[in-house]
Structure formats: C-alpha cells, structure tokens
Amino acid sequence: MRVGVNSRLLLKDKLEGIGYFTLKNLERLTKNHPDCEFVLFFDRPYDKEFVFAENVKPVVIPLPTRHPMLWHIYFEILLPIYIRLYKIDVLFSPEGYIPTKGKTPKLCTIHDINFEHDKTYIGNKVYQRYMEYFTPRFAKSANAVLTVSEFSKQDLVKTYSLEEEKIFVVESSANEDYKTYSEQENQRTRERYSNSCPYFYFVGSLQKRKNLTNLFRAFDLFKDKTQSNVKLLIVGSKKWWKGEIEDAFNAMRFRNEVIFTGRLPLEEVNRIASASIALVFVSFFEGFGVPPLEAYCSSTAVITSNTSSMPEIAGEGAIYVNPYDVNSICDAMIELYSNPSLRESLIKKGQEQAKKYSWDKTAELVWKVIEKVLKK
C-alpha cells in the first residue's frame, strides 16, 4: 500500500502545532507499518530528519504555499497530478487542506474552525475568506475527517452539517520532552527570567483568540489587590501585537511587571513552566489546547477557560474561569497564589490527566481510520 501525506508543515526548527502533530504521527506510522510506503509531499526543500525510515519517499512539489492563491494551485491542481503520478492509494493530510476532486480516498484533519465563530480571530481578511469558503468543501469532499477533540467533532457536525460517522477524534498530546525540574533549577530559572520573583506565565501566539487583553486586565487587578511582587511572563512572538492587544497592555498600571520573552526553545519554555505559580491560558476558543497538558507535565498548576474544548482536555487539573470576565480570571490567580495546598492538589490531578494522552495512541487511531477508508 502507498500512503501519500501532505507534509508541507514539516519545517525544520519551525514546527507549529499542526507541524508537530504531523511529525509525531509520521514518526510512528512509518515505523509501525514497514510494509507500507509513505510518500511525503513537501512544498519546498525538506530536511533529511523527516525521512523517518526506508519506507519513506520524500517528494518536493516546487510551489511554496505562502498565499491563498498558491494554496489553491497547490491543492487543486498540482497535488492531484502528483497523487496520480505516484499511484497513491490513500492521501492523509494532517491539516484541513486536501484536493476537493479526484477518486483517491483522502483524510483531512480539521483541528478546529475558530474562524467560523469570530471573523477577527485570523487577522487577515484574505486568509479568512479562503478558510470560510474552502474548509466546508474540504470536509465534505474527504472520505473521513479527523479532529482532535469531541468538542471540535460536534462543532463540525453542527456548523457544516456533517455526519457524525464521518468524523473521528484523534486527540493530540503534549510534547514528549516536557519534564519536571528540581527546585534548585527552578530557582535559577526565576533568577534568569523574573529577578527571582514568583510569576504566572502564558505561552502561545499573541493573537486575539488567546485573550491577552483580558489576561493583562486581570493581572493588573491581581497586582492591585495583592500588592505582591508576582510577575507575568508572556512567551511567544508579537506577530499580531498591534491593535487591541497592544492597547490593552499600554493601558495597564502594572505593565512594568509584565516580562516578554519572545519565542523560546522548548527546553526554556519547559523550565519557565516548571518554575511558575501557574499557566494562565484563558483563550476564547481552542480546538484542543496543548499548553495545559505541557504545564501538567512540567508539574505546575493551570488556570484555563471554561469554554470550547478546555474542560474536556484539562479535566480536573485546572481552575476554570470565564474568559470574558476579568474578575473571574483575577480571582483564580489570587486563589492559586494564596493557597499552596490547592496548587499542589491541582498539580497531582493534572499529572494524572496528562497520562490519558499519548502520541502512540493518536497514531494508532489515525491508522485505523486510514484502514477504514481503504476498506470502503
């Protein structure tokens, strides 16, 4: 059998969430099924580390997909040609994009459809229009749709009128390299990043959906009520910083207590998590939400939203807040800061919750769907 894989998000040293999802699944699928050939389609020169085994054939389709018009040409014209050329039996796409035509069975992975719920989440009108137009078409043309949570599955059913039997939940997981550091190492991390002060942290892209505006307002309120030396670390690049988020930050009374680290290597994010009071991850919308699981693996507490997939994924290890209510976020921060026994209890529950997820399980589920599609 020959499995084609849309591998365009496998980018050396630039793996975002879906790219990492692609990596972890392919590492296992290629190893666990040596009798199957995996043809990995890239849109630019690839790194040799992505040739996971002898049964992997990398193929470059020479059109870097950096714009919706190029996405359209790549998926609707070029990729179908290469699927026929390499006699692909089934196409697996770890993202939502697939060719909408052709007889080859195909699976797409729609991690979430946040753009259907707020037109400002993406922040680019051209991208927004592309996603709104093509995503339902991708979903309806696929033989099976994978998604990462039961919440996202029901959202797809309701929004696109898809049959439940067509959608399969293949949950993501935390990065396997996350671990707990010793208190001595945690002290060194606090010395390096927060002048030895305790801190809360956020990690992720600085965009509207992540709700930095209310996090800044809640932290301001927290500082005003506690008069503490606690800092707030923001880990991530300022790609979507201008506008509402920047305005909320500039309006803060305690903005000098907020520390921006920029984007950091995984090990540094792990160290920051391990040395923190808690992760504050109060997104408006998440299809899965990996940072809480990575916080659990780092032995820290979690404050997260009571919306979308977060209660499903974070389980009993988190304090839940209304992301639209600044007082709700602030109260949770005060509660964790002032109650060490509650924090320790949540950490233990979080560690147990994290054990429910694994990339081995995810890859096994993906393979079962591939087999199911081929049998139809």
Protein backbone atom coordinates (compact mmCIF):
# COMPACT_ATOMS: atom_id res chain seq x y z
CA MET A 1 0.00 0.00 0.00
CA ARG A 2 1.17 3.52 -0.77
CA VAL A 3 0.08 6.34 1.55
CA GLY A 4 0.53 9.91 0.38
CA VAL A 5 0.97 12.53 3.11
CA ASN A 6 0.58 16.29 2.89
CA SER A 7 3.83 17.18 4.69
CA ARG A 8 4.12 20.87 3.86
CA LEU A 9 4.10 21.91 7.54
CA LEU A 10 7.15 19.80 8.40
CA LEU A 11 9.57 22.72 8.60
CA LYS A 12 12.96 22.40 10.27
CA ASP A 13 13.08 24.43 13.53
CA LYS A 14 9.68 25.96 12.69
CA LEU A 15 7.24 23.32 13.85
CA GLU A 16 3.98 24.88 14.98
CA GLY A 17 1.09 22.88 16.47
CA ILE A 18 -0.04 21.14 13.27
CA GLY A 19 3.55 20.60 12.16
CA TYR A 20 4.30 18.85 15.44
CA PHE A 21 1.11 16.79 15.07
CA THR A 22 2.38 15.76 11.63
CA LEU A 23 5.84 14.89 12.96
CA LYS A 24 4.69 12.74 15.88
CA ASN A 25 2.20 10.78 13.80
CA LEU A 26 4.60 10.12 10.92
CA GLU A 27 7.40 9.02 13.24
CA ARG A 28 5.11 6.26 14.47
CA LEU A 29 3.15 5.40 11.33
CA THR A 30 6.28 4.88 9.24
CA LYS A 31 7.93 2.77 11.94
CA ASN A 32 4.86 0.69 12.83
CA HIS A 33 3.98 -0.13 9.21
CA PRO A 34 7.24 -1.03 7.42
CA ASP A 35 5.34 -2.92 4.72
CA CYS A 36 3.65 0.31 3.63
CA GLU A 37 5.32 3.02 1.54
CA PHE A 38 4.79 6.60 2.68
CA VAL A 39 5.17 9.29 0.03
CA LEU A 40 5.66 12.63 1.77
CA PHE A 41 4.72 15.65 -0.35
CA PHE A 42 6.61 18.85 0.53
CA ASP A 43 6.20 22.30 -0.99
CA ARG A 44 9.89 23.25 -0.57
CA PRO A 45 13.25 21.54 0.11
CA TYR A 46 12.91 19.24 3.13
CA ASP A 47 15.24 18.34 5.96
CA LYS A 48 16.64 14.81 5.95
CA GLU A 49 15.43 14.24 9.51
CA PHE A 50 11.91 13.98 8.08
CA VAL A 51 12.85 10.88 6.10
CA PHE A 52 11.92 8.73 9.07
CA ALA A 53 12.63 5.28 7.63
CA GLU A 54 13.48 3.34 4.49
CA ASN A 55 9.79 3.13 3.59
CA VAL A 56 9.58 6.94 3.27
CA LYS A 57 9.86 8.63 -0.14
CA PRO A 58 10.09 12.45 0.02
CA VAL A 59 8.75 14.36 -2.97
CA VAL A 60 9.00 18.12 -3.49
CA ILE A 61 6.19 19.84 -5.36
CA PRO A 62 8.00 23.07 -6.32
CA LEU A 63 5.46 25.68 -5.26
CA PRO A 64 5.99 27.13 -1.75
CA THR A 65 2.48 27.73 -0.40
CA ARG A 66 2.79 31.20 1.11
CA HIS A 67 -0.50 32.72 -0.09
CA PRO A 68 -4.12 31.52 -0.52
CA MET A 69 -3.81 31.71 -4.32
CA LEU A 70 -0.80 29.40 -4.13
CA TRP A 71 -2.68 27.12 -1.72
CA HIS A 72 -5.38 26.78 -4.33
CA ILE A 73 -2.95 25.95 -7.14
CA TYR A 74 -1.04 23.51 -4.94
CA PHE A 75 -4.01 21.54 -3.63
CA GLU A 76 -6.43 21.73 -6.53
CA ILE A 77 -4.02 21.38 -9.47
CA LEU A 78 -0.51 20.20 -8.56
CA LEU A 79 -1.11 17.74 -5.71
CA PRO A 80 -3.72 15.72 -7.69
CA ILE A 81 -1.18 15.36 -10.51
CA TYR A 82 1.43 14.00 -8.09
CA ILE A 83 -1.12 11.70 -6.45
CA ARG A 84 -1.74 10.09 -9.85
CA LEU A 85 1.95 10.11 -10.79
CA TYR A 86 2.99 8.25 -7.63
CA LYS A 87 -0.06 5.93 -7.67
CA ILE A 88 -1.18 6.90 -4.18
CA ASP A 89 -3.76 4.56 -2.63
CA VAL A 90 -4.88 6.97 0.10
CA LEU A 91 -3.99 10.57 1.00
CA PHE A 92 -3.55 11.58 4.64
CA SER A 93 -3.49 15.31 5.37
CA PRO A 94 -2.60 16.26 8.99
CA GLU A 95 -4.19 19.65 8.30
CA GLY A 96 -7.54 20.59 6.82
CA TYR A 97 -6.36 21.18 3.24
CA ILE A 98 -6.86 18.46 0.61
CA PRO A 99 -7.78 18.33 -3.08
CA THR A 100 -11.56 18.59 -3.39
CA LYS A 101 -11.65 16.43 -6.53
CA GLY A 102 -10.24 13.10 -7.64
CA LYS A 103 -11.03 9.46 -6.95
CA THR A 104 -8.20 8.72 -4.50
CA PRO A 105 -9.56 8.24 -0.95
CA LYS A 106 -8.46 11.03 1.36
CA LEU A 107 -8.48 12.05 5.01
CA CYS A 108 -8.14 15.62 6.23
CA THR A 109 -7.55 16.79 9.80
CA ILE A 110 -9.57 19.83 10.82
CA HIS A 111 -8.20 20.78 14.22
CA ASP A 112 -10.82 23.46 14.80
CA ILE A 113 -12.95 26.01 12.97
CA ASN A 114 -12.44 29.04 15.22
CA PHE A 115 -12.68 31.33 12.17
CA GLU A 116 -16.36 30.39 11.79
CA HIS A 117 -17.14 31.84 15.21
CA ASP A 118 -15.30 35.14 15.07
CA LYS A 119 -14.14 36.71 11.81
CA THR A 120 -11.38 38.64 13.59
CA TYR A 121 -9.52 35.62 15.01
CA ILE A 122 -7.35 35.04 11.94
CA GLY A 123 -6.48 38.70 11.46
CA ASN A 124 -6.16 38.50 7.67
CA LYS A 125 -9.25 39.02 5.51
CA VAL A 126 -7.87 37.09 2.53
CA TYR A 127 -6.99 34.09 4.71
CA GLN A 128 -10.37 34.36 6.42
CA ARG A 129 -12.29 34.25 3.14
CA TYR A 130 -10.24 31.29 1.93
CA MET A 131 -10.90 29.34 5.13
CA GLU A 132 -14.61 30.12 5.13
CA TYR A 133 -15.03 29.12 1.50
CA PHE A 134 -12.83 26.02 1.29
CA THR A 135 -12.94 24.38 4.73
CA PRO A 136 -16.53 23.08 4.40
CA ARG A 137 -15.65 21.91 0.89
CA PHE A 138 -12.57 20.10 2.18
CA ALA A 139 -14.67 18.45 4.87
CA LYS A 140 -17.42 17.32 2.51
CA SER A 141 -15.03 16.01 -0.16
CA ALA A 142 -12.98 13.97 2.33
CA ASN A 143 -13.75 10.29 2.85
CA ALA A 144 -13.07 10.83 6.55
CA VAL A 145 -12.43 13.88 8.71
CA LEU A 146 -10.08 13.68 11.67
CA THR A 147 -10.27 16.16 14.53
CA VAL A 148 -8.63 16.49 17.93
CA SER A 149 -11.47 16.69 20.46
CA GLU A 150 -15.08 15.72 20.94
CA PHE A 151 -15.86 19.43 21.13
CA SER A 152 -14.39 20.00 17.66
CA LYS A 153 -16.26 16.99 16.30
CA GLN A 154 -19.62 18.33 17.48
CA ASP A 155 -18.71 21.80 16.20
CA LEU A 156 -18.06 20.34 12.72
CA VAL A 157 -21.32 18.41 12.81
CA LYS A 158 -23.32 21.47 13.80
CA THR A 159 -21.57 24.07 11.63
CA TYR A 160 -21.09 22.07 8.42
CA SER A 161 -23.95 19.55 8.79
CA LEU A 162 -21.52 16.64 8.57
CA GLU A 163 -22.47 13.09 9.53
CA GLU A 164 -21.04 12.10 12.90
CA GLU A 165 -19.96 8.75 11.43
CA LYS A 166 -17.59 10.57 9.07
CA ILE A 167 -15.66 12.34 11.85
CA PHE A 168 -13.06 10.60 14.02
CA VAL A 169 -11.45 12.03 17.17
CA VAL A 170 -7.66 11.54 17.25
CA GLU A 171 -6.51 13.61 20.22
CA SER A 172 -3.22 15.48 20.26
CA SER A 173 -0.79 15.23 23.17
CA ALA A 174 1.92 17.17 24.97
CA ASN A 175 5.43 17.42 23.64
CA GLU A 176 7.23 14.34 24.93
CA ASP A 177 10.27 16.29 26.10
CA TYR A 178 8.44 18.20 28.85
CA LYS A 179 9.52 17.24 32.36
CA THR A 180 9.71 18.48 35.96
CA TYR A 181 12.82 20.35 37.07
CA SER A 182 14.23 20.41 40.60
CA GLU A 183 13.50 23.32 42.92
CA GLN A 184 17.14 24.34 42.68
CA GLU A 185 16.83 24.54 38.88
CA ASN A 186 13.51 26.38 39.25
CA GLN A 187 15.23 28.99 41.40
CA ARG A 188 17.82 29.53 38.70
CA THR A 189 15.04 29.95 36.13
CA ARG A 190 13.33 32.58 38.27
CA GLU A 191 16.67 34.38 38.70
CA ARG A 192 17.11 34.44 34.92
CA TYR A 193 13.63 35.49 33.87
CA SER A 194 11.87 37.31 36.74
CA ASN A 195 14.62 38.64 39.02
CA SER A 196 13.83 35.75 41.43
CA CYS A 197 10.19 36.80 41.77
CA PRO A 198 7.28 34.33 41.54
CA TYR A 199 5.32 34.55 38.31
CA PHE A 200 2.40 33.37 36.24
CA TYR A 201 3.04 32.63 32.58
CA PHE A 202 1.27 32.45 29.23
CA VAL A 203 2.63 30.63 26.19
CA GLY A 204 1.29 30.83 22.66
CA SER A 205 0.77 33.15 19.74
CA LEU A 206 -0.12 36.70 20.73
CA GLN A 207 -3.38 36.93 18.82
CA LYS A 208 -6.92 37.95 19.70
CA ARG A 209 -8.23 34.40 20.20
CA LYS A 210 -5.71 33.85 23.01
CA ASN A 211 -7.35 36.64 25.04
CA LEU A 212 -4.24 38.57 26.09
CA THR A 213 -6.39 41.67 26.58
CA ASN A 214 -8.35 40.22 29.50
CA LEU A 215 -5.24 38.50 30.85
CA PHE A 216 -3.49 41.88 31.08
CA ARG A 217 -6.53 43.44 32.77
CA ALA A 218 -6.83 40.53 35.21
CA PHE A 219 -3.15 40.71 36.11
CA ASP A 220 -3.47 44.46 36.73
CA LEU A 221 -6.36 43.73 39.10
CA PHE A 222 -4.42 40.90 40.76
CA LYS A 223 -1.47 43.21 41.43
CA ASP A 224 -3.74 45.92 42.79
CA LYS A 225 -5.46 43.51 45.20
CA THR A 226 -2.40 41.56 46.37
CA GLN A 227 0.31 44.24 46.27
CA SER A 228 2.67 41.31 45.61
CA ASN A 229 5.96 41.04 43.72
CA VAL A 230 4.46 38.49 41.29
CA LYS A 231 5.34 38.94 37.60
CA LEU A 232 3.61 37.84 34.41
CA LEU A 233 5.75 36.16 31.73
CA ILE A 234 4.50 36.20 28.15
CA VAL A 235 6.17 33.56 25.98
CA GLY A 236 5.56 34.00 22.25
CA SER A 237 6.22 36.28 19.32
CA LYS A 238 4.39 39.58 18.81
CA LYS A 239 3.25 38.75 15.29
CA TRP A 240 -0.33 40.03 15.87
CA TRP A 241 0.57 42.53 18.58
CA LYS A 242 -0.63 45.78 17.01
CA GLY A 243 -4.14 47.00 17.82
CA GLU A 244 -6.36 45.72 20.62
CA ILE A 245 -3.69 43.68 22.43
CA GLU A 246 -1.10 46.45 22.41
CA ASP A 247 -3.71 48.98 23.54
CA ALA A 248 -4.72 46.78 26.49
CA PHE A 249 -1.07 46.41 27.50
CA ASN A 250 -0.39 50.15 27.26
CA ALA A 251 -3.42 50.83 29.49
CA MET A 252 -2.01 48.68 32.32
CA ARG A 253 -0.94 50.26 35.59
CA PHE A 254 1.49 47.41 36.23
CA ARG A 255 2.81 46.89 32.72
CA ASN A 256 6.38 47.10 34.05
CA GLU A 257 5.67 43.83 35.86
CA VAL A 258 5.00 42.03 32.57
CA ILE A 259 8.00 40.31 31.01
CA PHE A 260 8.07 39.41 27.31
CA THR A 261 10.50 36.61 26.50
CA GLY A 262 9.72 36.31 22.80
CA ARG A 263 9.60 32.87 21.25
CA LEU A 264 11.83 30.39 23.10
CA PRO A 265 13.20 26.87 22.55
CA LEU A 266 11.13 24.09 24.04
CA GLU A 267 13.54 23.45 26.92
CA GLU A 268 13.31 27.07 28.06
CA VAL A 269 9.51 27.05 27.89
CA ASN A 270 9.58 23.85 29.94
CA ARG A 271 11.86 25.47 32.55
CA ILE A 272 9.60 28.53 32.73
CA ALA A 273 6.57 26.30 33.24
CA SER A 274 8.24 24.23 35.94
CA ALA A 275 9.28 27.33 37.93
CA SER A 276 5.93 29.13 37.70
CA ILE A 277 2.98 29.53 40.01
CA ALA A 278 0.71 28.51 37.15
CA LEU A 279 -0.06 28.72 33.46
CA VAL A 280 -2.83 31.21 32.70
CA PHE A 281 -4.31 30.03 29.40
CA VAL A 282 -7.67 31.78 29.04
CA SER A 283 -8.32 31.54 25.30
CA PHE A 284 -11.73 32.32 23.91
CA PHE A 285 -11.58 29.28 21.65
CA GLU A 286 -9.39 26.16 21.38
CA GLY A 287 -9.91 23.01 19.35
CA PHE A 288 -7.61 21.14 21.70
CA GLY A 289 -5.21 23.36 23.64
CA VAL A 290 -1.84 21.70 24.25
CA PRO A 291 -0.25 24.19 26.76
CA PRO A 292 -2.28 22.93 29.78
CA LEU A 293 -1.07 19.36 29.16
CA GLU A 294 2.51 20.59 28.83
CA ALA A 295 2.08 22.54 32.07
CA TYR A 296 0.89 19.34 33.76
CA CYS A 297 3.98 17.52 32.50
CA SER A 298 6.09 20.36 33.98
CA SER A 299 4.40 19.96 37.40
CA THR A 300 2.71 23.31 37.56
CA ALA A 301 -0.89 24.41 38.02
CA VAL A 302 -3.27 25.62 35.32
CA ILE A 303 -5.90 28.33 35.03
CA THR A 304 -7.90 27.97 31.84
CA SER A 305 -11.19 28.81 30.15
CA ASN A 306 -14.50 27.08 30.77
CA THR A 307 -15.25 27.32 27.04
CA SER A 308 -14.74 25.24 23.87
CA SER A 309 -12.55 22.14 24.36
CA MET A 310 -10.71 23.22 27.50
CA PRO A 311 -12.80 21.40 30.16
CA GLU A 312 -12.63 18.23 28.04
CA ILE A 313 -8.84 18.37 27.68
CA ALA A 314 -7.71 19.85 31.01
CA GLY A 315 -10.00 17.65 33.13
CA GLU A 316 -9.82 18.01 36.92
CA GLY A 317 -6.34 19.51 36.98
CA ALA A 318 -7.31 23.13 36.31
CA ILE A 319 -9.20 26.06 37.77
CA TYR A 320 -11.78 27.15 35.21
CA VAL A 321 -12.69 30.76 34.54
CA ASN A 322 -14.99 32.74 32.29
CA PRO A 323 -12.52 34.18 29.73
CA TYR A 324 -14.80 37.18 29.17
CA ASP A 325 -14.83 38.06 32.89
CA VAL A 326 -11.70 39.82 34.14
CA ASN A 327 -12.72 39.31 37.79
CA SER A 328 -13.09 35.57 37.24
CA ILE A 329 -9.51 35.35 35.91
CA CYS A 330 -8.16 37.57 38.68
CA ASP A 331 -9.89 35.56 41.43
CA ALA A 332 -8.36 32.33 40.14
CA MET A 333 -4.89 33.89 40.15
CA ILE A 334 -5.36 35.10 43.73
CA GLU A 335 -6.64 31.68 44.77
CA LEU A 336 -3.60 29.83 43.41
CA TYR A 337 -1.14 32.43 44.68
CA SER A 338 -2.53 32.38 48.22
CA ASN A 339 -3.36 28.66 48.57
CA PRO A 340 -0.30 26.42 48.12
CA SER A 341 -2.20 23.27 49.15
CA LEU A 342 -4.77 23.83 46.40
CA ARG A 343 -1.95 24.33 43.92
CA GLU A 344 -0.29 21.06 44.94
CA SER A 345 -3.60 19.22 44.69
CA LEU A 346 -4.20 20.54 41.18
CA ILE A 347 -0.67 19.60 40.10
CA LYS A 348 -1.25 15.97 41.12
CA LYS A 349 -4.58 15.84 39.31
CA GLY A 350 -3.02 17.45 36.25
CA GLN A 351 -0.24 14.89 36.11
CA GLU A 352 -2.84 12.12 36.07
CA GLN A 353 -4.83 13.91 33.37
CA ALA A 354 -1.76 14.19 31.13
CA LYS A 355 -1.31 10.41 31.24
CA LYS A 356 -4.56 9.99 29.30
CA TYR A 357 -2.92 11.35 26.15
CA SER A 358 -0.10 9.88 24.09
CA TRP A 359 1.17 10.13 20.53
CA ASP A 360 1.27 6.32 20.33
CA LYS A 361 -2.48 6.27 20.89
CA THR A 362 -3.04 9.08 18.39
CA ALA A 363 -1.04 7.37 15.62
CA GLU A 364 -2.86 4.10 16.22
CA LEU A 365 -6.22 5.83 15.84
CA VAL A 366 -5.07 7.60 12.67
CA TRP A 367 -4.01 4.27 11.15
CA LYS A 368 -7.36 2.67 11.98
CA VAL A 369 -9.13 5.45 10.09
CA ILE A 370 -6.79 5.01 7.11
CA GLU A 371 -7.65 1.31 7.03
CA LYS A 372 -11.34 2.05 7.39
CA VAL A 373 -11.28 4.44 4.44
CA LEU A 374 -9.44 1.92 2.26
CA LYS A 375 -11.97 -0.83 3.00
CA LYS A 376 -14.92 1.23 1.76
